[in-house]
């Protein structure tokens, strides 16, 4: 199956992979589907990929399986490269501040290494 990629996904260090490996199979499947959607669809619905307000260009990838909600933070580099950083299971209405702060820290670290 050949896909036309509009965006490319990059896993920074092992943050996303470590998170992903702990997920149930059905959640992994939904994450893979969502990442493929983000990589190949021109206009990604906000339900799956949205900019975080009060951030420096952090986006969240959203996955829901049943009543469980999962998020992975990411940011753009070089236009169409999406860099994935930390992921977590969302248990409250508000995004946990330490998770957003970690994403900001990892983004700064990533660009400092470039």
PDB file of N, CA and C in Angstrom:
ATOM      1  N   UNK A   1       0.856  -1.189   0.000  1.00  0.00           N
ATOM      2  CA  UNK A   1       0.000   0.000   0.000  1.00  0.00           C
ATOM      3  C   UNK A   1       0.889   1.236   0.000  1.00  0.00           C
ATOM      4  N   UNK A   2       0.739   2.045  -0.991  1.00  0.00           N
ATOM      5  CA  UNK A   2       1.569   3.243  -1.109  1.00  0.00           C
ATOM      6  C   UNK A   2       0.771   4.457  -0.659  1.00  0.00           C
ATOM      7  N   UNK A   3       1.360   5.214   0.229  1.00  0.00           N
ATOM      8  CA  UNK A   3       0.702   6.403   0.773  1.00  0.00           C
ATOM      9  C   UNK A   3       1.411   7.647   0.264  1.00  0.00           C
ATOM     10  N   UNK A   4       0.664   8.710   0.095  1.00  0.00           N
ATOM     11  CA  UNK A   4       1.259  10.006  -0.231  1.00  0.00           C
ATOM     12  C   UNK A   4       1.390  10.783   1.071  1.00  0.00           C
ATOM     13  N   UNK A   5       2.608  10.858   1.564  1.00  0.00           N
ATOM     14  CA  UNK A   5       2.822  11.521   2.844  1.00  0.00           C
ATOM     15  C   UNK A   5       2.951  13.028   2.655  1.00  0.00           C
ATOM     16  N   UNK A   6       2.123  13.763   3.366  1.00  0.00           N
ATOM     17  CA  UNK A   6       2.191  15.226   3.382  1.00  0.00           C
ATOM     18  C   UNK A   6       3.066  15.685   4.537  1.00  0.00           C
ATOM     19  N   UNK A   7       3.111  14.858   5.568  1.00  0.00           N
ATOM     20  CA  UNK A   7       3.913  15.147   6.757  1.00  0.00           C
ATOM     21  C   UNK A   7       4.678  13.884   7.129  1.00  0.00           C
ATOM     22  N   UNK A   8       5.790  14.068   7.782  1.00  0.00           N
ATOM     23  CA  UNK A   8       6.592  12.946   8.250  1.00  0.00           C
ATOM     24  C   UNK A   8       6.622  12.968   9.771  1.00  0.00           C
ATOM     25  N   UNK A   9       6.601  11.796  10.372  1.00  0.00           N
ATOM     26  CA  UNK A   9       6.570  11.654  11.828  1.00  0.00           C
ATOM     27  C   UNK A   9       7.951  11.218  12.304  1.00  0.00           C
ATOM     28  N   UNK A  10       8.431  11.881  13.353  1.00  0.00           N
ATOM     29  CA  UNK A  10       9.739  11.556  13.936  1.00  0.00           C
ATOM     30  C   UNK A  10       9.555  11.373  15.438  1.00  0.00           C
ATOM     31  N   UNK A  11      10.097  10.289  15.968  1.00  0.00           N
ATOM     32  CA  UNK A  11      10.017  10.036  17.411  1.00  0.00           C
ATOM     33  C   UNK A  11      11.282  10.568  18.050  1.00  0.00           C
ATOM     34  N   UNK A  12      11.149  11.593  18.867  1.00  0.00           N
ATOM     35  CA  UNK A  12      12.310  12.182  19.539  1.00  0.00           C
ATOM     36  C   UNK A  12      12.699  11.326  20.730  1.00  0.00           C
ATOM     37  N   UNK A  13      13.954  10.902  20.735  1.00  0.00           N
ATOM     38  CA  UNK A  13      14.473   9.998  21.758  1.00  0.00           C
ATOM     39  C   UNK A  13      13.500   8.820  21.880  1.00  0.00           C
ATOM     40  N   UNK A  14      13.223   8.340  23.075  1.00  0.00           N
ATOM     41  CA  UNK A  14      12.316   7.199  23.227  1.00  0.00           C
ATOM     42  C   UNK A  14      11.028   7.563  23.942  1.00  0.00           C
ATOM     43  N   UNK A  15      10.728   8.848  24.043  1.00  0.00           N
ATOM     44  CA  UNK A  15       9.569   9.269  24.839  1.00  0.00           C
ATOM     45  C   UNK A  15       8.264   8.653  24.326  1.00  0.00           C
ATOM     46  N   UNK A  16       8.005   8.789  23.029  1.00  0.00           N
ATOM     47  CA  UNK A  16       6.759   8.242  22.478  1.00  0.00           C
ATOM     48  C   UNK A  16       6.780   6.715  22.483  1.00  0.00           C
ATOM     49  N   UNK A  17       7.892   6.118  22.070  1.00  0.00           N
ATOM     50  CA  UNK A  17       7.995   4.657  21.988  1.00  0.00           C
ATOM     51  C   UNK A  17       7.781   4.015  23.364  1.00  0.00           C
ATOM     52  N   UNK A  18       8.393   4.581  24.402  1.00  0.00           N
ATOM     53  CA  UNK A  18       8.213   4.052  25.757  1.00  0.00           C
ATOM     54  C   UNK A  18       6.740   4.097  26.176  1.00  0.00           C
ATOM     55  N   UNK A  19       6.074   5.198  25.854  1.00  0.00           N
ATOM     56  CA  UNK A  19       4.647   5.356  26.149  1.00  0.00           C
ATOM     57  C   UNK A  19       3.836   4.337  25.342  1.00  0.00           C
ATOM     58  N   UNK A  20       4.106   4.254  24.044  1.00  0.00           N
ATOM     59  CA  UNK A  20       3.362   3.393  23.129  1.00  0.00           C
ATOM     60  C   UNK A  20       3.449   1.917  23.539  1.00  0.00           C
ATOM     61  N   UNK A  21       4.624   1.477  23.936  1.00  0.00           N
ATOM     62  CA  UNK A  21       4.822   0.056  24.266  1.00  0.00           C
ATOM     63  C   UNK A  21       3.979  -0.402  25.451  1.00  0.00           C
ATOM     64  N   UNK A  22       3.566   0.516  26.314  1.00  0.00           N
ATOM     65  CA  UNK A  22       2.769   0.167  27.497  1.00  0.00           C
ATOM     66  C   UNK A  22       1.263   0.123  27.214  1.00  0.00           C
ATOM     67  N   UNK A  23       0.860   0.526  26.015  1.00  0.00           N
ATOM     68  CA  UNK A  23      -0.565   0.624  25.700  1.00  0.00           C
ATOM     69  C   UNK A  23      -1.169  -0.732  25.340  1.00  0.00           C
ATOM     70  N   UNK A  24      -2.475  -0.848  25.528  1.00  0.00           N
ATOM     71  CA  UNK A  24      -3.214  -2.044  25.113  1.00  0.00           C
ATOM     72  C   UNK A  24      -3.221  -2.117  23.581  1.00  0.00           C
ATOM     73  N   UNK A  25      -3.346  -3.317  23.012  1.00  0.00           N
ATOM     74  CA  UNK A  25      -3.318  -3.468  21.546  1.00  0.00           C
ATOM     75  C   UNK A  25      -4.320  -2.587  20.803  1.00  0.00           C
ATOM     76  N   UNK A  26      -5.535  -2.449  21.322  1.00  0.00           N
ATOM     77  CA  UNK A  26      -6.531  -1.635  20.618  1.00  0.00           C
ATOM     78  C   UNK A  26      -6.174  -0.150  20.647  1.00  0.00           C
ATOM     79  N   UNK A  27      -5.486   0.298  21.686  1.00  0.00           N
ATOM     80  CA  UNK A  27      -5.049   1.701  21.765  1.00  0.00           C
ATOM     81  C   UNK A  27      -3.880   1.910  20.800  1.00  0.00           C
ATOM     82  N   UNK A  28      -2.969   0.953  20.731  1.00  0.00           N
ATOM     83  CA  UNK A  28      -1.851   1.029  19.776  1.00  0.00           C
ATOM     84  C   UNK A  28      -2.381   1.129  18.352  1.00  0.00           C
ATOM     85  N   UNK A  29      -3.372   0.313  18.042  1.00  0.00           N
ATOM     86  CA  UNK A  29      -3.965   0.317  16.703  1.00  0.00           C
ATOM     87  C   UNK A  29      -4.558   1.693  16.371  1.00  0.00           C
ATOM     88  N   UNK A  30      -5.249   2.280  17.334  1.00  0.00           N
ATOM     89  CA  UNK A  30      -5.868   3.598  17.118  1.00  0.00           C
ATOM     90  C   UNK A  30      -4.794   4.683  16.973  1.00  0.00           C
ATOM     91  N   UNK A  31      -3.700   4.584  17.752  1.00  0.00           N
ATOM     92  CA  UNK A  31      -2.608   5.544  17.598  1.00  0.00           C
ATOM     93  C   UNK A  31      -1.989   5.423  16.211  1.00  0.00           C
ATOM     94  N   UNK A  32      -1.762   4.198  15.757  1.00  0.00           N
ATOM     95  CA  UNK A  32      -1.178   4.012  14.423  1.00  0.00           C
ATOM     96  C   UNK A  32      -2.091   4.590  13.343  1.00  0.00           C
ATOM     97  N   UNK A  33      -3.391   4.359  13.473  1.00  0.00           N
ATOM     98  CA  UNK A  33      -4.356   4.901  12.520  1.00  0.00           C
ATOM     99  C   UNK A  33      -4.326   6.434  12.545  1.00  0.00           C
ATOM    100  N   UNK A  34      -4.300   7.012  13.742  1.00  0.00           N
ATOM    101  CA  UNK A  34      -4.306   8.472  13.897  1.00  0.00           C
ATOM    102  C   UNK A  34      -3.035   9.086  13.315  1.00  0.00           C
ATOM    103  N   UNK A  35      -1.882   8.475  13.564  1.00  0.00           N
ATOM    104  CA  UNK A  35      -0.624   8.998  13.010  1.00  0.00           C
ATOM    105  C   UNK A  35      -0.619   8.915  11.488  1.00  0.00           C
ATOM    106  N   UNK A  36      -1.188   7.851  10.934  1.00  0.00           N
ATOM    107  CA  UNK A  36      -1.282   7.742   9.480  1.00  0.00           C
ATOM    108  C   UNK A  36      -2.193   8.841   8.927  1.00  0.00           C
ATOM    109  N   UNK A  37      -3.287   9.114   9.613  1.00  0.00           N
ATOM    110  CA  UNK A  37      -4.201  10.191   9.218  1.00  0.00           C
ATOM    111  C   UNK A  37      -3.463  11.531   9.206  1.00  0.00           C
ATOM    112  N   UNK A  38      -2.740  11.813  10.270  1.00  0.00           N
ATOM    113  CA  UNK A  38      -2.001  13.076  10.384  1.00  0.00           C
ATOM    114  C   UNK A  38      -0.953  13.195   9.276  1.00  0.00           C
ATOM    115  N   UNK A  39      -0.325  12.086   8.931  1.00  0.00           N
ATOM    116  CA  UNK A  39       0.732  12.100   7.918  1.00  0.00           C
ATOM    117  C   UNK A  39       0.200  12.236   6.494  1.00  0.00           C
ATOM    118  N   UNK A  40      -1.045  11.805   6.253  1.00  0.00           N
ATOM    119  CA  UNK A  40      -1.512  11.712   4.865  1.00  0.00           C
ATOM    120  C   UNK A  40      -2.693  12.599   4.486  1.00  0.00           C
ATOM    121  N   UNK A  41      -3.387  13.176   5.456  1.00  0.00           N
ATOM    122  CA  UNK A  41      -4.578  13.980   5.148  1.00  0.00           C
ATOM    123  C   UNK A  41      -4.224  15.471   5.191  1.00  0.00           C
ATOM    124  N   UNK A  42      -4.651  16.205   4.165  1.00  0.00           N
ATOM    125  CA  UNK A  42      -4.345  17.635   4.068  1.00  0.00           C
ATOM    126  C   UNK A  42      -4.838  18.405   5.293  1.00  0.00           C
ATOM    127  N   UNK A  43      -6.136  18.267   5.604  1.00  0.00           N
ATOM    128  CA  UNK A  43      -6.720  18.999   6.735  1.00  0.00           C
ATOM    129  C   UNK A  43      -7.150  17.984   7.793  1.00  0.00           C
ATOM    130  N   UNK A  44      -6.329  17.861   8.829  1.00  0.00           N
ATOM    131  CA  UNK A  44      -6.594  16.889   9.896  1.00  0.00           C
ATOM    132  C   UNK A  44      -7.644  17.464  10.845  1.00  0.00           C
ATOM    133  N   UNK A  45      -8.707  16.717  11.131  1.00  0.00           N
ATOM    134  CA  UNK A  45      -9.722  17.216  12.067  1.00  0.00           C
ATOM    135  C   UNK A  45      -9.118  17.520  13.445  1.00  0.00           C
ATOM    136  N   UNK A  46      -9.579  18.630  14.042  1.00  0.00           N
ATOM    137  CA  UNK A  46      -9.092  19.042  15.365  1.00  0.00           C
ATOM    138  C   UNK A  46      -9.310  17.958  16.411  1.00  0.00           C
ATOM    139  N   UNK A  47     -10.274  17.095  16.170  1.00  0.00           N
ATOM    140  CA  UNK A  47     -10.553  15.999  17.094  1.00  0.00           C
ATOM    141  C   UNK A  47      -9.317  15.112  17.295  1.00  0.00           C
ATOM    142  N   UNK A  48      -8.449  15.055  16.287  1.00  0.00           N
ATOM    143  CA  UNK A  48      -7.273  14.190  16.350  1.00  0.00           C
ATOM    144  C   UNK A  48      -5.954  14.931  16.530  1.00  0.00           C
ATOM    145  N   UNK A  49      -5.910  16.204  16.124  1.00  0.00           N
ATOM    146  CA  UNK A  49      -4.639  16.934  16.109  1.00  0.00           C
ATOM    147  C   UNK A  49      -4.944  18.416  16.247  1.00  0.00           C
ATOM    148  N   UNK A  50      -4.500  19.005  17.367  1.00  0.00           N
ATOM    149  CA  UNK A  50      -4.859  20.407  17.604  1.00  0.00           C
ATOM    150  C   UNK A  50      -3.734  21.127  18.328  1.00  0.00           C
ATOM    151  N   UNK A  51      -3.619  22.430  18.047  1.00  0.00           N
ATOM    152  CA  UNK A  51      -2.629  23.289  18.699  1.00  0.00           C
ATOM    153  C   UNK A  51      -3.032  23.521  20.149  1.00  0.00           C
ATOM    154  N   UNK A  52      -2.051  23.472  21.037  1.00  0.00           N
ATOM    155  CA  UNK A  52      -2.304  23.740  22.456  1.00  0.00           C
ATOM    156  C   UNK A  52      -2.203  25.249  22.700  1.00  0.00           C
ATOM    157  N   UNK A  53      -3.263  25.826  23.228  1.00  0.00           N
ATOM    158  CA  UNK A  53      -3.194  27.243  23.577  1.00  0.00           C
ATOM    159  C   UNK A  53      -2.199  27.396  24.730  1.00  0.00           C
ATOM    160  N   UNK A  54      -1.654  28.576  24.871  1.00  0.00           N
ATOM    161  CA  UNK A  54      -0.652  28.868  25.913  1.00  0.00           C
ATOM    162  C   UNK A  54       0.582  27.971  25.795  1.00  0.00           C
ATOM    163  N   UNK A  55       0.987  27.693  24.553  1.00  0.00           N
ATOM    164  CA  UNK A  55       2.201  26.914  24.332  1.00  0.00           C
ATOM    165  C   UNK A  55       3.014  27.586  23.228  1.00  0.00           C
ATOM    166  N   UNK A  56       4.245  27.119  23.057  1.00  0.00           N
ATOM    167  CA  UNK A  56       5.096  27.672  21.997  1.00  0.00           C
ATOM    168  C   UNK A  56       5.086  26.733  20.797  1.00  0.00           C
ATOM    169  N   UNK A  57       3.905  26.487  20.251  1.00  0.00           N
ATOM    170  CA  UNK A  57       3.806  25.639  19.069  1.00  0.00           C
ATOM    171  C   UNK A  57       3.703  24.161  19.377  1.00  0.00           C
ATOM    172  N   UNK A  58       3.185  23.825  20.545  1.00  0.00           N
ATOM    173  CA  UNK A  58       2.967  22.423  20.895  1.00  0.00           C
ATOM    174  C   UNK A  58       1.585  22.011  20.378  1.00  0.00           C
ATOM    175  N   UNK A  59       1.527  20.830  19.760  1.00  0.00           N
ATOM    176  CA  UNK A  59       0.270  20.261  19.291  1.00  0.00           C
ATOM    177  C   UNK A  59       0.007  18.979  20.067  1.00  0.00           C
ATOM    178  N   UNK A  60      -1.276  18.659  20.245  1.00  0.00           N
ATOM    179  CA  UNK A  60      -1.586  17.389  20.881  1.00  0.00           C
ATOM    180  C   UNK A  60      -2.268  16.480  19.882  1.00  0.00           C
ATOM    181  N   UNK A  61      -1.853  15.221  19.922  1.00  0.00           N
ATOM    182  CA  UNK A  61      -2.484  14.163  19.146  1.00  0.00           C
ATOM    183  C   UNK A  61      -3.428  13.474  20.116  1.00  0.00           C
ATOM    184  N   UNK A  62      -4.687  13.352  19.711  1.00  0.00           N
ATOM    185  CA  UNK A  62      -5.722  12.846  20.618  1.00  0.00           C
ATOM    186  C   UNK A  62      -6.226  11.488  20.154  1.00  0.00           C
ATOM    187  N   UNK A  63      -6.320  10.565  21.085  1.00  0.00           N
ATOM    188  CA  UNK A  63      -6.864   9.235  20.797  1.00  0.00           C
ATOM    189  C   UNK A  63      -7.827   8.857  21.910  1.00  0.00           C
ATOM    190  N   UNK A  64      -9.007   8.404  21.511  1.00  0.00           N
ATOM    191  CA  UNK A  64      -9.991   7.912  22.471  1.00  0.00           C
ATOM    192  C   UNK A  64     -10.333   6.474  22.119  1.00  0.00           C
ATOM    193  N   UNK A  65     -10.293   5.617  23.125  1.00  0.00           N
ATOM    194  CA  UNK A  65     -10.713   4.222  22.964  1.00  0.00           C
ATOM    195  C   UNK A  65     -11.656   3.935  24.120  1.00  0.00           C
ATOM    196  N   UNK A  66     -12.927   3.742  23.796  1.00  0.00           N
ATOM    197  CA  UNK A  66     -13.937   3.586  24.842  1.00  0.00           C
ATOM    198  C   UNK A  66     -13.990   4.866  25.660  1.00  0.00           C
ATOM    199  N   UNK A  67     -13.884   4.733  26.977  1.00  0.00           N
ATOM    200  CA  UNK A  67     -13.915   5.923  27.833  1.00  0.00           C
ATOM    201  C   UNK A  67     -12.497   6.407  28.171  1.00  0.00           C
ATOM    202  N   UNK A  68     -11.476   5.742  27.624  1.00  0.00           N
ATOM    203  CA  UNK A  68     -10.089   6.140  27.884  1.00  0.00           C
ATOM    204  C   UNK A  68      -9.620   7.168  26.858  1.00  0.00           C
ATOM    205  N   UNK A  69      -8.926   8.181  27.354  1.00  0.00           N
ATOM    206  CA  UNK A  69      -8.428   9.264  26.501  1.00  0.00           C
ATOM    207  C   UNK A  69      -6.913   9.332  26.654  1.00  0.00           C
ATOM    208  N   UNK A  70      -6.231   9.391  25.512  1.00  0.00           N
ATOM    209  CA  UNK A  70      -4.771   9.444  25.498  1.00  0.00           C
ATOM    210  C   UNK A  70      -4.326  10.647  24.687  1.00  0.00           C
ATOM    211  N   UNK A  71      -3.175  11.210  25.070  1.00  0.00           N
ATOM    212  CA  UNK A  71      -2.615  12.364  24.364  1.00  0.00           C
ATOM    213  C   UNK A  71      -1.124  12.157  24.150  1.00  0.00           C
ATOM    214  N   UNK A  72      -0.641  12.665  23.035  1.00  0.00           N
ATOM    215  CA  UNK A  72       0.802  12.730  22.773  1.00  0.00           C
ATOM    216  C   UNK A  72       1.078  14.144  22.304  1.00  0.00           C
ATOM    217  N   UNK A  73       2.070  14.782  22.907  1.00  0.00           N
ATOM    218  CA  UNK A  73       2.461  16.119  22.482  1.00  0.00           C
ATOM    219  C   UNK A  73       3.467  16.024  21.346  1.00  0.00           C
ATOM    220  N   UNK A  74       3.429  17.031  20.485  1.00  0.00           N
ATOM    221  CA  UNK A  74       4.303  17.072  19.326  1.00  0.00           C
ATOM    222  C   UNK A  74       4.518  18.522  18.918  1.00  0.00           C
ATOM    223  N   UNK A  75       5.424  18.700  17.963  1.00  0.00           N
ATOM    224  CA  UNK A  75       5.660  20.036  17.400  1.00  0.00           C
ATOM    225  C   UNK A  75       6.213  19.862  16.000  1.00  0.00           C
ATOM    226  N   UNK A  76       6.203  20.951  15.237  1.00  0.00           N
ATOM    227  CA  UNK A  76       6.691  20.918  13.858  1.00  0.00           C
ATOM    228  C   UNK A  76       8.149  21.352  13.779  1.00  0.00           C
ATOM    229  N   UNK A  77       8.865  20.741  12.850  1.00  0.00           N
ATOM    230  CA  UNK A  77      10.215  21.160  12.492  1.00  0.00           C
ATOM    231  C   UNK A  77      10.292  21.113  10.971  1.00  0.00           C
ATOM    232  N   UNK A  78      10.925  22.092  10.371  1.00  0.00           N
ATOM    233  CA  UNK A  78      11.114  22.152   8.914  1.00  0.00           C
ATOM    234  C   UNK A  78       9.800  21.986   8.150  1.00  0.00           C
ATOM    235  N   UNK A  79       8.757  22.601   8.635  1.00  0.00           N
ATOM    236  CA  UNK A  79       7.497  22.636   7.899  1.00  0.00           C
ATOM    237  C   UNK A  79       6.626  21.406   7.992  1.00  0.00           C
ATOM    238  N   UNK A  80       7.101  20.267   7.467  1.00  0.00           N
ATOM    239  CA  UNK A  80       6.225  19.098   7.418  1.00  0.00           C
ATOM    240  C   UNK A  80       6.729  17.922   8.253  1.00  0.00           C
ATOM    241  N   UNK A  81       7.682  18.174   9.147  1.00  0.00           N
ATOM    242  CA  UNK A  81       8.172  17.132  10.042  1.00  0.00           C
ATOM    243  C   UNK A  81       7.506  17.319  11.405  1.00  0.00           C
ATOM    244  N   UNK A  82       6.789  16.297  11.848  1.00  0.00           N
ATOM    245  CA  UNK A  82       6.140  16.350  13.158  1.00  0.00           C
ATOM    246  C   UNK A  82       6.968  15.512  14.123  1.00  0.00           C
ATOM    247  N   UNK A  83       7.425  16.156  15.194  1.00  0.00           N
ATOM    248  CA  UNK A  83       8.272  15.505  16.185  1.00  0.00           C
ATOM    249  C   UNK A  83       7.398  15.120  17.378  1.00  0.00           C
ATOM    250  N   UNK A  84       7.336  13.814  17.668  1.00  0.00           N
ATOM    251  CA  UNK A  84       6.537  13.338  18.799  1.00  0.00           C
ATOM    252  C   UNK A  84       7.399  13.278  20.047  1.00  0.00           C
ATOM    253  N   UNK A  85       6.826  13.758  21.144  1.00  0.00           N
ATOM    254  CA  UNK A  85       7.539  13.698  22.419  1.00  0.00           C
ATOM    255  C   UNK A  85       6.696  12.892  23.414  1.00  0.00           C
ATOM    256  N   UNK A  86       6.346  13.455  24.549  1.00  0.00           N
ATOM    257  CA  UNK A  86       5.717  12.692  25.625  1.00  0.00           C
ATOM    258  C   UNK A  86       4.242  12.390  25.387  1.00  0.00           C
ATOM    259  N   UNK A  87       3.831  11.232  25.891  1.00  0.00           N
ATOM    260  CA  UNK A  87       2.440  10.810  25.835  1.00  0.00           C
ATOM    261  C   UNK A  87       1.944  10.480  27.229  1.00  0.00           C
ATOM    262  N   UNK A  88       0.623  10.523  27.403  1.00  0.00           N
ATOM    263  CA  UNK A  88       0.041  10.230  28.711  1.00  0.00           C
ATOM    264  C   UNK A  88      -1.432   9.901  28.544  1.00  0.00           C
ATOM    265  N   UNK A  89      -1.998   9.267  29.575  1.00  0.00           N
ATOM    266  CA  UNK A  89      -3.438   9.028  29.597  1.00  0.00           C
ATOM    267  C   UNK A  89      -4.075  10.190  30.339  1.00  0.00           C
ATOM    268  N   UNK A  90      -5.055  10.784  29.701  1.00  0.00           N
ATOM    269  CA  UNK A  90      -5.725  11.944  30.283  1.00  0.00           C
ATOM    270  C   UNK A  90      -6.848  11.466  31.196  1.00  0.00           C
ATOM    271  N   UNK A  91      -6.802  11.920  32.445  1.00  0.00           N
ATOM    272  CA  UNK A  91      -7.796  11.461  33.420  1.00  0.00           C
ATOM    273  C   UNK A  91      -8.692  12.585  33.926  1.00  0.00           C
ATOM    274  N   UNK A  92      -8.381  13.831  33.556  1.00  0.00           N
ATOM    275  CA  UNK A  92      -9.183  14.973  33.991  1.00  0.00           C
ATOM    276  C   UNK A  92      -9.487  15.857  32.788  1.00  0.00           C
ATOM    277  N   UNK A  93     -10.372  16.829  32.971  1.00  0.00           N
ATOM    278  CA  UNK A  93     -10.710  17.757  31.889  1.00  0.00           C
ATOM    279  C   UNK A  93      -9.506  18.586  31.452  1.00  0.00           C
ATOM    280  N   UNK A  94      -8.730  19.054  32.444  1.00  0.00           N
ATOM    281  CA  UNK A  94      -7.592  19.913  32.152  1.00  0.00           C
ATOM    282  C   UNK A  94      -6.368  19.068  31.788  1.00  0.00           C
ATOM    283  N   UNK A  95      -5.569  19.596  30.858  1.00  0.00           N
ATOM    284  CA  UNK A  95      -4.307  18.940  30.523  1.00  0.00           C
ATOM    285  C   UNK A  95      -3.351  19.121  31.696  1.00  0.00           C
ATOM    286  N   UNK A  96      -2.736  18.044  32.164  1.00  0.00           N
ATOM    287  CA  UNK A  96      -1.796  18.168  33.291  1.00  0.00           C
ATOM    288  C   UNK A  96      -0.638  19.113  32.941  1.00  0.00           C
ATOM    289  N   UNK A  97      -0.465  20.131  33.780  1.00  0.00           N
ATOM    290  CA  UNK A  97       0.569  21.134  33.534  1.00  0.00           C
ATOM    291  C   UNK A  97       1.975  20.525  33.427  1.00  0.00           C
ATOM    292  N   UNK A  98       2.341  19.558  34.280  1.00  0.00           N
ATOM    293  CA  UNK A  98       3.683  18.961  34.154  1.00  0.00           C
ATOM    294  C   UNK A  98       3.921  18.298  32.792  1.00  0.00           C
ATOM    295  N   UNK A  99       2.882  17.736  32.182  1.00  0.00           N
ATOM    296  CA  UNK A  99       3.036  17.105  30.865  1.00  0.00           C
ATOM    297  C   UNK A  99       3.325  18.146  29.791  1.00  0.00           C
ATOM    298  N   UNK A 100       2.605  19.272  29.845  1.00  0.00           N
ATOM    299  CA  UNK A 100       2.850  20.345  28.878  1.00  0.00           C
ATOM    300  C   UNK A 100       4.234  20.960  29.099  1.00  0.00           C
ATOM    301  N   UNK A 101       4.618  21.131  30.353  1.00  0.00           N
ATOM    302  CA  UNK A 101       5.951  21.669  30.654  1.00  0.00           C
ATOM    303  C   UNK A 101       7.052  20.731  30.148  1.00  0.00           C
ATOM    304  N   UNK A 102       6.824  19.419  30.270  1.00  0.00           N
ATOM    305  CA  UNK A 102       7.797  18.448  29.757  1.00  0.00           C
ATOM    306  C   UNK A 102       7.900  18.557  28.238  1.00  0.00           C
ATOM    307  N   UNK A 103       6.771  18.703  27.565  1.00  0.00           N
ATOM    308  CA  UNK A 103       6.785  18.850  26.103  1.00  0.00           C
ATOM    309  C   UNK A 103       7.570  20.097  25.692  1.00  0.00           C
ATOM    310  N   UNK A 104       7.359  21.196  26.394  1.00  0.00           N
ATOM    311  CA  UNK A 104       8.094  22.432  26.095  1.00  0.00           C
ATOM    312  C   UNK A 104       9.601  22.229  26.301  1.00  0.00           C
ATOM    313  N   UNK A 105       9.959  21.546  27.383  1.00  0.00           N
ATOM    314  CA  UNK A 105      11.361  21.280  27.689  1.00  0.00           C
ATOM    315  C   UNK A 105      11.993  20.398  26.608  1.00  0.00           C
ATOM    316  N   UNK A 106      11.275  19.351  26.186  1.00  0.00           N
ATOM    317  CA  UNK A 106      11.790  18.456  25.151  1.00  0.00           C
ATOM    318  C   UNK A 106      11.910  19.160  23.801  1.00  0.00           C
ATOM    319  N   UNK A 107      10.969  20.057  23.515  1.00  0.00           N
ATOM    320  CA  UNK A 107      11.047  20.827  22.268  1.00  0.00           C
ATOM    321  C   UNK A 107      12.298  21.700  22.271  1.00  0.00           C
ATOM    322  N   UNK A 108      12.558  22.389  23.375  1.00  0.00           N
ATOM    323  CA  UNK A 108      13.749  23.242  23.484  1.00  0.00           C
ATOM    324  C   UNK A 108      15.013  22.393  23.346  1.00  0.00           C
ATOM    325  N   UNK A 109      15.035  21.266  24.032  1.00  0.00           N
ATOM    326  CA  UNK A 109      16.183  20.352  23.966  1.00  0.00           C
ATOM    327  C   UNK A 109      16.417  19.882  22.531  1.00  0.00           C
ATOM    328  N   UNK A 110      15.347  19.533  21.825  1.00  0.00           N
ATOM    329  CA  UNK A 110      15.440  19.079  20.436  1.00  0.00           C
ATOM    330  C   UNK A 110      16.081  20.146  19.549  1.00  0.00           C
ATOM    331  N   UNK A 111      15.589  21.386  19.644  1.00  0.00           N
ATOM    332  CA  UNK A 111      16.111  22.444  18.791  1.00  0.00           C
ATOM    333  C   UNK A 111      17.521  22.867  19.198  1.00  0.00           C
ATOM    334  N   UNK A 112      17.851  22.747  20.481  1.00  0.00           N
ATOM    335  CA  UNK A 112      19.214  23.054  20.938  1.00  0.00           C
ATOM    336  C   UNK A 112      20.223  22.071  20.343  1.00  0.00           C
ATOM    337  N   UNK A 113      19.767  20.834  20.067  1.00  0.00           N
ATOM    338  CA  UNK A 113      20.659  19.809  19.506  1.00  0.00           C
ATOM    339  C   UNK A 113      20.831  19.933  18.001  1.00  0.00           C
ATOM    340  N   UNK A 114      19.986  20.706  17.346  1.00  0.00           N
ATOM    341  CA  UNK A 114      20.043  20.826  15.884  1.00  0.00           C
ATOM    342  C   UNK A 114      21.215  21.654  15.415  1.00  0.00           C
TER     343      UNK A 114
END
